[in-house]
Amino acid sequence: MEALYAWVRNLAVYFIIISTIINALPDNRYVKYIRFFLGMLLILLILQPVLDFFDWTQELDSAYYTQMMEQEWQEQVEDMGQS
């Protein structure tokens, strides 16, 4: 039950922060980009209990880390080839 309370609290804090960010923007040019990014964060926030239940969080972290390491390796190989 405490996990549900923490999840709802996180959602409430998220919506307070999103309202503050959007209202603090001086120009409306970037609102659609900010909304897109914050929407992606909202999807992750909503899926967090499901990810925790199936223990997918660690697998996603591992996949992300592996992808980043492969990308860095490719960039280093390309840099060495250009030198």
C-alpha atoms as a PDB file:
ATOM      1  CA  MET A   1       0.000   0.000   0.000  1.00  0.00           C
ATOM      2  CA  GLU A   2       2.904   2.295   0.725  1.00  0.00           C
ATOM      3  CA  ALA A   3       4.208   1.815  -2.810  1.00  0.00           C
ATOM      4  CA  LEU A   4       0.873   3.034  -4.195  1.00  0.00           C
ATOM      5  CA  TYR A   5       1.053   6.081  -1.938  1.00  0.00           C
ATOM      6  CA  ALA A   6       4.593   6.856  -3.132  1.00  0.00           C
ATOM      7  CA  TRP A   7       3.527   6.438  -6.777  1.00  0.00           C
ATOM      8  CA  VAL A   8       0.577   8.832  -6.381  1.00  0.00           C
ATOM      9  CA  ARG A   9       2.815  11.303  -4.541  1.00  0.00           C
ATOM     10  CA  ASN A  10       5.339  11.155  -7.393  1.00  0.00           C
ATOM     11  CA  LEU A  11       2.568  11.831  -9.911  1.00  0.00           C
ATOM     12  CA  ALA A  12       1.347  14.810  -7.892  1.00  0.00           C
ATOM     13  CA  VAL A  13       4.859  16.263  -7.660  1.00  0.00           C
ATOM     14  CA  TYR A  14       5.331  15.673 -11.384  1.00  0.00           C
ATOM     15  CA  PHE A  15       2.182  17.631 -12.256  1.00  0.00           C
ATOM     16  CA  ILE A  16       3.169  20.494  -9.964  1.00  0.00           C
ATOM     17  CA  ILE A  17       6.617  20.677 -11.566  1.00  0.00           C
ATOM     18  CA  ILE A  18       5.232  20.461 -15.119  1.00  0.00           C
ATOM     19  CA  SER A  19       2.797  23.300 -14.405  1.00  0.00           C
ATOM     20  CA  THR A  20       5.599  25.417 -12.971  1.00  0.00           C
ATOM     21  CA  ILE A  21       7.909  24.778 -15.915  1.00  0.00           C
ATOM     22  CA  ILE A  22       5.298  25.524 -18.576  1.00  0.00           C
ATOM     23  CA  ASN A  23       4.114  28.685 -16.826  1.00  0.00           C
ATOM     24  CA  ALA A  24       7.692  29.891 -16.304  1.00  0.00           C
ATOM     25  CA  LEU A  25       8.584  29.743 -20.009  1.00  0.00           C
ATOM     26  CA  PRO A  26       8.968  33.248 -21.378  1.00  0.00           C
ATOM     27  CA  ASP A  27       8.106  32.282 -24.941  1.00  0.00           C
ATOM     28  CA  ASN A  28       5.643  29.760 -26.345  1.00  0.00           C
ATOM     29  CA  ARG A  29       8.090  28.582 -29.024  1.00  0.00           C
ATOM     30  CA  TYR A  30       9.416  25.747 -26.918  1.00  0.00           C
ATOM     31  CA  VAL A  31       6.192  24.640 -25.244  1.00  0.00           C
ATOM     32  CA  LYS A  32       5.573  21.775 -27.672  1.00  0.00           C
ATOM     33  CA  TYR A  33       9.104  20.423 -27.165  1.00  0.00           C
ATOM     34  CA  ILE A  34       8.863  20.725 -23.398  1.00  0.00           C
ATOM     35  CA  ARG A  35       5.464  19.016 -23.432  1.00  0.00           C
ATOM     36  CA  PHE A  36       6.872  16.190 -25.575  1.00  0.00           C
ATOM     37  CA  PHE A  37       9.787  15.615 -23.200  1.00  0.00           C
ATOM     38  CA  LEU A  38       7.606  15.842 -20.105  1.00  0.00           C
ATOM     39  CA  GLY A  39       5.099  13.487 -21.727  1.00  0.00           C
ATOM     40  CA  MET A  40       7.856  10.924 -22.176  1.00  0.00           C
ATOM     41  CA  LEU A  41       8.738  11.319 -18.500  1.00  0.00           C
ATOM     42  CA  LEU A  42       5.069  10.883 -17.577  1.00  0.00           C
ATOM     43  CA  ILE A  43       4.921   7.612 -19.503  1.00  0.00           C
ATOM     44  CA  LEU A  44       7.945   6.341 -17.587  1.00  0.00           C
ATOM     45  CA  LEU A  45       6.458   7.533 -14.304  1.00  0.00           C
ATOM     46  CA  ILE A  46       3.167   5.754 -14.997  1.00  0.00           C
ATOM     47  CA  LEU A  47       4.932   2.546 -16.062  1.00  0.00           C
ATOM     48  CA  GLN A  48       7.269   2.517 -13.056  1.00  0.00           C
ATOM     49  CA  PRO A  49       5.107   0.197 -10.893  1.00  0.00           C
ATOM     50  CA  VAL A  50       4.800  -2.289 -13.763  1.00  0.00           C
ATOM     51  CA  LEU A  51       8.529  -2.158 -14.424  1.00  0.00           C
ATOM     52  CA  ASP A  52       9.260  -2.687 -10.737  1.00  0.00           C
ATOM     53  CA  PHE A  53       6.790  -5.572 -10.492  1.00  0.00           C
ATOM     54  CA  PHE A  54       8.405  -7.504 -13.335  1.00  0.00           C
ATOM     55  CA  ASP A  55      11.927  -6.326 -12.379  1.00  0.00           C
ATOM     56  CA  TRP A  56      12.415  -4.814 -15.845  1.00  0.00           C
ATOM     57  CA  THR A  57      14.058  -1.677 -14.504  1.00  0.00           C
ATOM     58  CA  GLN A  58      17.409  -3.388 -14.116  1.00  0.00           C
ATOM     59  CA  GLU A  59      17.148  -4.978 -17.562  1.00  0.00           C
ATOM     60  CA  LEU A  60      16.335  -1.617 -19.174  1.00  0.00           C
ATOM     61  CA  ASP A  61      19.255   0.020 -17.373  1.00  0.00           C
ATOM     62  CA  SER A  62      21.566  -2.738 -18.556  1.00  0.00           C
ATOM     63  CA  ALA A  63      20.348  -2.458 -22.155  1.00  0.00           C
ATOM     64  CA  TYR A  64      20.784   1.321 -22.098  1.00  0.00           C
ATOM     65  CA  TYR A  65      24.284   1.056 -20.651  1.00  0.00           C
ATOM     66  CA  THR A  66      25.257  -1.548 -23.268  1.00  0.00           C
ATOM     67  CA  GLN A  67      23.930   0.627 -26.083  1.00  0.00           C
ATOM     68  CA  MET A  68      25.830   3.664 -24.814  1.00  0.00           C
ATOM     69  CA  MET A  69      29.070   1.689 -24.529  1.00  0.00           C
ATOM     70  CA  GLU A  70      28.671   0.362 -28.091  1.00  0.00           C
ATOM     71  CA  GLN A  71      28.046   3.876 -29.388  1.00  0.00           C
ATOM     72  CA  GLU A  72      31.115   5.239 -27.611  1.00  0.00           C
ATOM     73  CA  TRP A  73      33.203   2.371 -28.987  1.00  0.00           C
ATOM     74  CA  GLN A  74      32.048   3.085 -32.542  1.00  0.00           C
ATOM     75  CA  GLU A  75      32.828   6.790 -32.147  1.00  0.00           C
ATOM     76  CA  GLN A  76      36.333   5.996 -30.906  1.00  0.00           C
ATOM     77  CA  VAL A  77      36.924   3.607 -33.818  1.00  0.00           C
ATOM     78  CA  GLU A  78      35.738   6.275 -36.268  1.00  0.00           C
ATOM     79  CA  ASP A  79      38.002   8.881 -34.633  1.00  0.00           C
ATOM     80  CA  MET A  80      40.990   6.558 -34.891  1.00  0.00           C
ATOM     81  CA  GLY A  81      40.190   5.861 -38.554  1.00  0.00           C
ATOM     82  CA  GLN A  82      40.084   9.577 -39.366  1.00  0.00           C
ATOM     83  CA  SER A  83      43.440  10.293 -37.696  1.00  0.00           C
END
